[in-house]
Amino acid sequence: METSEPRKPEWFVQDAQFSPAEWGEIALARGFSTYLLDSLMSDFSENRYGHVDLVLGAVAKIESGELAEYEWEGQGFTSHITRERVRFEHSVFGECPEWPIWCCTLAQYKAALQGYRRFLDMPKSIDSELIIDLPDGEPTCG
């Protein structure tokens, strides 16, 4: 998944000293790669037990109005999914300066999850490629 956000060297420096406000800014700036992509990789490392399909089914029910909300408690993140947005909270640390709450739109989450499902089914080859374009949108994280 490509993002248009520039990579910053300080994201990769583990011993860097940042204030809580600076950590918050860094975490928000890297939202799509850190929250969305990391949640897919940590919470759905495979689909052997159908977890990706389960969450995709819940998303479809939310879109149709059959379900108002759904919460997925993954290894890395708890994802609270509603029609308005998908809210990510770190499963271990909760809300803290290093891991503030982050949100994306339901359409962005669905596109990423569908793309990740296709990725899991791809042949394991260096020639394989998958590019996912996420829809525009900025949800309210409240």
N, C-alpha and C. Protein backbone atom coordinates (compact mmCIF):
# COMPACT_ATOMS: atom_id res chain seq x y z
N MET A 1 0.83 -1.17 0.00
CA MET A 1 0.00 0.00 0.00
C MET A 1 0.88 1.23 0.00
N GLU A 2 0.70 2.06 -0.94
CA GLU A 2 1.48 3.28 -1.06
C GLU A 2 0.80 4.42 -0.32
N THR A 3 1.57 5.27 0.29
CA THR A 3 1.04 6.48 0.88
C THR A 3 1.82 7.65 0.32
N SER A 4 1.23 8.81 0.38
CA SER A 4 1.91 9.99 -0.14
C SER A 4 2.73 10.68 0.94
N GLU A 5 2.67 10.18 2.18
CA GLU A 5 3.40 10.83 3.25
C GLU A 5 4.89 10.53 3.12
N PRO A 6 5.72 11.55 3.32
CA PRO A 6 7.17 11.34 3.21
C PRO A 6 7.69 10.58 4.43
N ARG A 7 8.68 9.75 4.21
CA ARG A 7 9.31 9.03 5.33
C ARG A 7 10.28 9.98 6.03
N LYS A 8 10.27 9.94 7.33
CA LYS A 8 11.14 10.81 8.11
C LYS A 8 12.13 9.95 8.89
N PRO A 9 13.41 10.31 8.86
CA PRO A 9 14.43 9.49 9.52
C PRO A 9 14.15 9.28 11.01
N GLU A 10 13.57 10.26 11.68
CA GLU A 10 13.35 10.12 13.13
C GLU A 10 12.34 9.03 13.47
N TRP A 11 11.54 8.58 12.50
CA TRP A 11 10.59 7.50 12.76
C TRP A 11 11.33 6.20 13.08
N PHE A 12 12.53 6.07 12.60
CA PHE A 12 13.26 4.82 12.71
C PHE A 12 14.35 4.87 13.79
N VAL A 13 14.43 5.95 14.52
CA VAL A 13 15.43 6.09 15.57
C VAL A 13 14.77 5.74 16.90
N GLN A 14 15.10 4.58 17.44
CA GLN A 14 14.43 4.12 18.64
C GLN A 14 14.84 4.90 19.89
N ASP A 15 16.04 5.44 19.92
CA ASP A 15 16.51 6.15 21.11
C ASP A 15 16.25 7.65 21.05
N ALA A 16 15.52 8.10 20.05
CA ALA A 16 15.24 9.53 19.91
C ALA A 16 14.43 10.03 21.11
N GLN A 17 14.70 11.23 21.54
CA GLN A 17 14.00 11.83 22.66
C GLN A 17 13.00 12.85 22.14
N PHE A 18 11.71 12.55 22.24
CA PHE A 18 10.66 13.43 21.79
C PHE A 18 9.75 13.75 22.97
N SER A 19 9.17 14.92 22.93
CA SER A 19 8.17 15.28 23.94
C SER A 19 6.89 14.51 23.61
N PRO A 20 5.96 14.40 24.57
CA PRO A 20 4.69 13.72 24.27
C PRO A 20 3.96 14.34 23.07
N ALA A 21 4.01 15.66 22.96
CA ALA A 21 3.36 16.32 21.82
C ALA A 21 4.03 15.93 20.51
N GLU A 22 5.37 15.87 20.51
CA GLU A 22 6.10 15.48 19.29
C GLU A 22 5.81 14.03 18.92
N TRP A 23 5.75 13.14 19.92
CA TRP A 23 5.41 11.74 19.64
C TRP A 23 4.03 11.66 19.02
N GLY A 24 3.09 12.47 19.54
CA GLY A 24 1.74 12.47 18.99
C GLY A 24 1.72 12.91 17.54
N GLU A 25 2.49 13.96 17.21
CA GLU A 25 2.55 14.45 15.83
C GLU A 25 3.15 13.39 14.91
N ILE A 26 4.20 12.72 15.38
CA ILE A 26 4.83 11.68 14.56
C ILE A 26 3.85 10.55 14.31
N ALA A 27 3.15 10.12 15.36
CA ALA A 27 2.20 9.02 15.22
C ALA A 27 1.06 9.37 14.28
N LEU A 28 0.56 10.60 14.36
CA LEU A 28 -0.53 10.99 13.47
C LEU A 28 -0.06 11.11 12.03
N ALA A 29 1.15 11.61 11.82
CA ALA A 29 1.68 11.76 10.46
C ALA A 29 1.89 10.42 9.78
N ARG A 30 2.18 9.41 10.53
CA ARG A 30 2.45 8.09 9.94
C ARG A 30 1.24 7.17 10.05
N GLY A 31 0.06 7.73 10.20
CA GLY A 31 -1.16 6.97 10.45
C GLY A 31 -1.44 5.81 9.53
N PHE A 32 -1.45 6.06 8.23
CA PHE A 32 -1.82 4.98 7.32
C PHE A 32 -0.81 3.84 7.36
N SER A 33 0.47 4.17 7.37
CA SER A 33 1.45 3.08 7.38
C SER A 33 1.56 2.43 8.74
N THR A 34 1.45 3.20 9.81
CA THR A 34 1.61 2.64 11.14
C THR A 34 0.35 1.98 11.67
N TYR A 35 -0.77 2.62 11.51
CA TYR A 35 -1.99 2.07 12.08
C TYR A 35 -2.69 1.10 11.13
N LEU A 36 -3.02 1.56 9.96
CA LEU A 36 -3.80 0.73 9.04
C LEU A 36 -3.00 -0.47 8.56
N LEU A 37 -1.84 -0.26 8.02
CA LEU A 37 -1.04 -1.36 7.50
C LEU A 37 -0.57 -2.28 8.63
N ASP A 38 -0.08 -1.70 9.72
CA ASP A 38 0.38 -2.53 10.83
C ASP A 38 -0.75 -3.34 11.44
N SER A 39 -1.96 -2.77 11.50
CA SER A 39 -3.07 -3.55 12.06
C SER A 39 -3.41 -4.73 11.15
N LEU A 40 -3.34 -4.53 9.85
CA LEU A 40 -3.60 -5.64 8.93
C LEU A 40 -2.56 -6.74 9.11
N MET A 41 -1.30 -6.34 9.18
CA MET A 41 -0.23 -7.34 9.27
C MET A 41 -0.20 -8.04 10.63
N SER A 42 -0.47 -7.33 11.71
CA SER A 42 -0.41 -7.96 13.03
C SER A 42 -1.70 -8.70 13.38
N ASP A 43 -2.82 -8.18 12.95
CA ASP A 43 -4.10 -8.76 13.34
C ASP A 43 -4.60 -9.82 12.36
N PHE A 44 -4.08 -9.80 11.15
CA PHE A 44 -4.51 -10.76 10.13
C PHE A 44 -3.30 -11.34 9.41
N SER A 45 -2.39 -11.95 10.15
CA SER A 45 -1.17 -12.44 9.51
C SER A 45 -1.46 -13.55 8.50
N GLU A 46 -2.64 -14.13 8.60
CA GLU A 46 -3.08 -15.14 7.63
C GLU A 46 -4.61 -15.16 7.70
N ASN A 47 -5.22 -15.90 6.81
CA ASN A 47 -6.68 -16.00 6.83
C ASN A 47 -7.11 -17.45 7.03
N ARG A 48 -6.23 -18.23 7.64
CA ARG A 48 -6.51 -19.65 7.82
C ARG A 48 -7.81 -19.87 8.59
N TYR A 49 -8.09 -19.04 9.55
CA TYR A 49 -9.30 -19.20 10.36
C TYR A 49 -10.43 -18.27 9.91
N GLY A 50 -10.26 -17.59 8.80
CA GLY A 50 -11.31 -16.77 8.23
C GLY A 50 -11.54 -15.44 8.91
N HIS A 51 -10.55 -14.94 9.66
CA HIS A 51 -10.74 -13.67 10.37
C HIS A 51 -10.90 -12.48 9.43
N VAL A 52 -10.15 -12.46 8.35
CA VAL A 52 -10.30 -11.37 7.38
C VAL A 52 -11.72 -11.38 6.81
N ASP A 53 -12.18 -12.56 6.44
CA ASP A 53 -13.53 -12.69 5.88
C ASP A 53 -14.60 -12.32 6.91
N LEU A 54 -14.37 -12.66 8.17
CA LEU A 54 -15.29 -12.32 9.24
C LEU A 54 -15.45 -10.80 9.36
N VAL A 55 -14.33 -10.09 9.36
CA VAL A 55 -14.39 -8.63 9.49
C VAL A 55 -14.96 -8.00 8.23
N LEU A 56 -14.62 -8.53 7.06
CA LEU A 56 -15.22 -8.02 5.82
C LEU A 56 -16.73 -8.21 5.84
N GLY A 57 -17.20 -9.33 6.38
CA GLY A 57 -18.64 -9.56 6.52
C GLY A 57 -19.28 -8.55 7.46
N ALA A 58 -18.60 -8.22 8.55
CA ALA A 58 -19.11 -7.20 9.48
C ALA A 58 -19.16 -5.84 8.81
N VAL A 59 -18.16 -5.51 8.01
CA VAL A 59 -18.14 -4.24 7.28
C VAL A 59 -19.34 -4.17 6.33
N ALA A 60 -19.62 -5.25 5.63
CA ALA A 60 -20.78 -5.28 4.71
C ALA A 60 -22.08 -5.08 5.48
N LYS A 61 -22.19 -5.67 6.66
CA LYS A 61 -23.40 -5.50 7.47
C LYS A 61 -23.53 -4.07 7.99
N ILE A 62 -22.42 -3.44 8.29
CA ILE A 62 -22.45 -2.03 8.72
C ILE A 62 -22.89 -1.16 7.55
N GLU A 63 -22.35 -1.41 6.38
CA GLU A 63 -22.72 -0.63 5.20
C GLU A 63 -24.20 -0.78 4.87
N SER A 64 -24.76 -1.96 5.07
CA SER A 64 -26.18 -2.19 4.75
C SER A 64 -27.11 -1.72 5.86
N GLY A 65 -26.54 -1.36 7.01
CA GLY A 65 -27.37 -0.92 8.13
C GLY A 65 -27.83 -2.05 9.03
N GLU A 66 -27.43 -3.27 8.71
CA GLU A 66 -27.80 -4.43 9.52
C GLU A 66 -27.10 -4.42 10.88
N LEU A 67 -25.90 -3.84 10.91
CA LEU A 67 -25.11 -3.73 12.14
C LEU A 67 -24.76 -2.25 12.33
N ALA A 68 -24.81 -1.76 13.55
CA ALA A 68 -24.45 -0.36 13.82
C ALA A 68 -22.94 -0.21 14.01
N GLU A 69 -22.32 -1.21 14.64
CA GLU A 69 -20.88 -1.14 14.89
C GLU A 69 -20.33 -2.54 15.11
N TYR A 70 -19.01 -2.63 15.03
CA TYR A 70 -18.34 -3.92 15.22
C TYR A 70 -16.97 -3.61 15.79
N GLU A 71 -16.52 -4.44 16.71
CA GLU A 71 -15.19 -4.24 17.29
C GLU A 71 -14.35 -5.48 17.08
N TRP A 72 -13.18 -5.30 16.49
CA TRP A 72 -12.24 -6.39 16.26
C TRP A 72 -11.07 -6.18 17.21
N GLU A 73 -10.85 -7.14 18.10
CA GLU A 73 -9.73 -7.07 19.04
C GLU A 73 -8.60 -7.92 18.49
N GLY A 74 -7.65 -7.26 17.87
CA GLY A 74 -6.53 -7.97 17.27
C GLY A 74 -5.32 -7.98 18.18
N GLN A 75 -4.27 -8.61 17.71
CA GLN A 75 -3.02 -8.70 18.47
C GLN A 75 -2.38 -7.32 18.66
N GLY A 76 -2.45 -6.49 17.62
CA GLY A 76 -1.79 -5.19 17.67
C GLY A 76 -2.72 -4.04 17.98
N PHE A 77 -3.94 -4.11 17.45
CA PHE A 77 -4.87 -2.99 17.59
C PHE A 77 -6.28 -3.49 17.83
N THR A 78 -7.04 -2.69 18.54
CA THR A 78 -8.48 -2.89 18.64
C THR A 78 -9.09 -1.92 17.65
N SER A 79 -9.88 -2.43 16.72
CA SER A 79 -10.50 -1.61 15.69
C SER A 79 -12.00 -1.51 15.98
N HIS A 80 -12.45 -0.31 16.25
CA HIS A 80 -13.88 -0.06 16.48
C HIS A 80 -14.44 0.47 15.16
N ILE A 81 -15.30 -0.31 14.53
CA ILE A 81 -15.75 -0.03 13.17
C ILE A 81 -17.20 0.45 13.19
N THR A 82 -17.43 1.63 12.63
CA THR A 82 -18.78 2.17 12.46
C THR A 82 -18.90 2.69 11.04
N ARG A 83 -20.07 3.12 10.69
CA ARG A 83 -20.31 3.67 9.34
C ARG A 83 -19.52 4.96 9.12
N GLU A 84 -19.31 5.72 10.18
CA GLU A 84 -18.63 7.02 10.08
C GLU A 84 -17.12 6.90 10.01
N ARG A 85 -16.56 5.86 10.70
CA ARG A 85 -15.11 5.77 10.76
C ARG A 85 -14.68 4.45 11.37
N VAL A 86 -13.38 4.16 11.25
CA VAL A 86 -12.76 3.03 11.94
C VAL A 86 -11.73 3.63 12.87
N ARG A 87 -11.87 3.33 14.14
CA ARG A 87 -11.04 3.92 15.19
C ARG A 87 -10.06 2.84 15.68
N PHE A 88 -8.76 3.18 15.66
CA PHE A 88 -7.71 2.24 16.06
C PHE A 88 -7.15 2.64 17.42
N GLU A 89 -7.08 1.67 18.31
CA GLU A 89 -6.45 1.86 19.61
C GLU A 89 -5.46 0.72 19.80
N HIS A 90 -4.26 1.04 20.26
CA HIS A 90 -3.24 0.02 20.46
C HIS A 90 -3.72 -0.99 21.49
N SER A 91 -3.62 -2.28 21.18
CA SER A 91 -4.14 -3.33 22.05
C SER A 91 -3.38 -3.48 23.36
N VAL A 92 -2.10 -3.17 23.36
CA VAL A 92 -1.29 -3.32 24.57
C VAL A 92 -1.25 -2.04 25.38
N PHE A 93 -0.94 -0.92 24.73
CA PHE A 93 -0.71 0.33 25.44
C PHE A 93 -1.94 1.21 25.55
N GLY A 94 -2.99 0.89 24.81
CA GLY A 94 -4.19 1.74 24.83
C GLY A 94 -3.87 3.10 24.22
N GLU A 95 -4.53 4.12 24.73
CA GLU A 95 -4.26 5.48 24.26
C GLU A 95 -3.16 6.07 25.12
N CYS A 96 -2.07 6.48 24.47
CA CYS A 96 -0.94 7.06 25.18
C CYS A 96 -0.23 8.01 24.20
N PRO A 97 0.72 8.81 24.69
CA PRO A 97 1.40 9.75 23.78
C PRO A 97 2.06 9.07 22.58
N GLU A 98 2.63 7.88 22.79
CA GLU A 98 3.29 7.19 21.68
C GLU A 98 2.30 6.56 20.72
N TRP A 99 1.09 6.25 21.20
CA TRP A 99 0.07 5.60 20.39
C TRP A 99 -1.27 6.31 20.58
N PRO A 100 -1.41 7.52 20.07
CA PRO A 100 -2.71 8.18 20.18
C PRO A 100 -3.75 7.45 19.33
N ILE A 101 -5.00 7.69 19.63
CA ILE A 101 -6.08 7.11 18.84
C ILE A 101 -5.95 7.65 17.42
N TRP A 102 -6.19 6.79 16.43
CA TRP A 102 -6.14 7.20 15.03
C TRP A 102 -7.35 6.63 14.32
N CYS A 103 -7.87 7.34 13.33
CA CYS A 103 -9.05 6.90 12.60
C CYS A 103 -8.86 7.03 11.09
N CYS A 104 -9.61 6.21 10.37
CA CYS A 104 -9.72 6.34 8.92
C CYS A 104 -11.19 6.13 8.57
N THR A 105 -11.54 6.38 7.34
CA THR A 105 -12.94 6.19 6.93
C THR A 105 -13.22 4.69 6.75
N LEU A 106 -14.48 4.34 6.80
CA LEU A 106 -14.88 2.96 6.56
C LEU A 106 -14.46 2.52 5.16
N ALA A 107 -14.60 3.41 4.19
CA ALA A 107 -14.22 3.08 2.80
C ALA A 107 -12.72 2.80 2.69
N GLN A 108 -11.89 3.57 3.39
CA GLN A 108 -10.45 3.34 3.37
C GLN A 108 -10.11 1.98 4.01
N TYR A 109 -10.74 1.70 5.14
CA TYR A 109 -10.50 0.44 5.84
C TYR A 109 -10.94 -0.74 4.98
N LYS A 110 -12.11 -0.63 4.38
CA LYS A 110 -12.63 -1.71 3.54
C LYS A 110 -11.70 -1.96 2.35
N ALA A 111 -11.26 -0.90 1.69
CA ALA A 111 -10.36 -1.06 0.53
C ALA A 111 -9.06 -1.72 0.95
N ALA A 112 -8.51 -1.30 2.10
CA ALA A 112 -7.26 -1.88 2.58
C ALA A 112 -7.46 -3.35 2.97
N LEU A 113 -8.55 -3.65 3.64
CA LEU A 113 -8.82 -5.02 4.06
C LEU A 113 -9.08 -5.94 2.86
N GLN A 114 -9.82 -5.46 1.87
CA GLN A 114 -10.04 -6.25 0.65
C GLN A 114 -8.71 -6.48 -0.08
N GLY A 115 -7.90 -5.44 -0.15
CA GLY A 115 -6.59 -5.57 -0.79
C GLY A 115 -5.70 -6.54 -0.05
N TYR A 116 -5.73 -6.47 1.26
CA TYR A 116 -4.92 -7.39 2.06
C TYR A 116 -5.39 -8.83 1.88
N ARG A 117 -6.68 -9.02 1.75
CA ARG A 117 -7.24 -10.36 1.50
C ARG A 117 -6.71 -10.90 0.18
N ARG A 118 -6.69 -10.05 -0.85
CA ARG A 118 -6.13 -10.45 -2.14
C ARG A 118 -4.63 -10.76 -2.01
N PHE A 119 -3.92 -9.94 -1.23
CA PHE A 119 -2.49 -10.13 -1.00
C PHE A 119 -2.22 -11.51 -0.39
N LEU A 120 -3.02 -11.90 0.60
CA LEU A 120 -2.82 -13.19 1.25
C LEU A 120 -3.01 -14.36 0.27
N ASP A 121 -3.82 -14.16 -0.76
CA ASP A 121 -4.09 -15.20 -1.74
C ASP A 121 -3.12 -15.20 -2.92
N MET A 122 -2.24 -14.20 -2.98
CA MET A 122 -1.33 -14.09 -4.11
C MET A 122 -0.28 -15.20 -4.08
N PRO A 123 0.23 -15.56 -5.26
CA PRO A 123 1.34 -16.52 -5.27
C PRO A 123 2.57 -15.91 -4.62
N LYS A 124 3.30 -16.72 -3.94
CA LYS A 124 4.52 -16.26 -3.25
C LYS A 124 5.63 -16.18 -4.29
N SER A 125 5.73 -15.04 -4.93
CA SER A 125 6.69 -14.86 -6.01
C SER A 125 7.21 -13.43 -5.97
N ILE A 126 8.46 -13.27 -6.32
CA ILE A 126 9.05 -11.94 -6.37
C ILE A 126 8.41 -11.10 -7.48
N ASP A 127 7.76 -11.75 -8.43
CA ASP A 127 7.12 -11.04 -9.52
C ASP A 127 5.70 -10.57 -9.18
N SER A 128 5.18 -10.96 -8.03
CA SER A 128 3.83 -10.55 -7.63
C SER A 128 3.83 -9.09 -7.20
N GLU A 129 2.76 -8.41 -7.54
CA GLU A 129 2.63 -7.01 -7.17
C GLU A 129 1.16 -6.71 -6.92
N LEU A 130 0.91 -5.89 -5.90
CA LEU A 130 -0.44 -5.47 -5.58
C LEU A 130 -0.39 -4.02 -5.11
N ILE A 131 -1.14 -3.16 -5.77
CA ILE A 131 -1.20 -1.75 -5.40
C ILE A 131 -2.64 -1.44 -5.05
N ILE A 132 -2.84 -0.84 -3.90
CA ILE A 132 -4.18 -0.48 -3.44
C ILE A 132 -4.27 1.03 -3.36
N ASP A 133 -5.25 1.60 -4.04
CA ASP A 133 -5.52 3.03 -3.93
C ASP A 133 -6.63 3.21 -2.91
N LEU A 134 -6.34 3.95 -1.86
CA LEU A 134 -7.34 4.19 -0.82
C LEU A 134 -8.18 5.40 -1.18
N PRO A 135 -9.47 5.34 -0.92
CA PRO A 135 -10.35 6.49 -1.18
C PRO A 135 -9.93 7.69 -0.32
N ASP A 136 -10.21 8.88 -0.81
CA ASP A 136 -9.95 10.08 -0.02
C ASP A 136 -10.97 10.18 1.11
N GLY A 137 -10.62 10.95 2.11
CA GLY A 137 -11.57 11.19 3.19
C GLY A 137 -10.84 11.35 4.50
N GLU A 138 -11.41 12.17 5.37
CA GLU A 138 -10.85 12.38 6.69
C GLU A 138 -11.97 12.30 7.71
N PRO A 139 -11.98 11.23 8.49
CA PRO A 139 -13.05 11.06 9.48
C PRO A 139 -12.77 11.87 10.74
N THR A 140 -13.79 12.07 11.52
CA THR A 140 -13.63 12.66 12.84
C THR A 140 -13.31 11.51 13.79
N CYS A 141 -12.34 11.69 14.62
CA CYS A 141 -11.91 10.60 15.49
C CYS A 141 -12.56 10.68 16.86
N GLY A 142 -13.59 11.45 17.01
CA GLY A 142 -14.20 11.63 18.33
C GLY A 142 -15.07 10.57 18.81
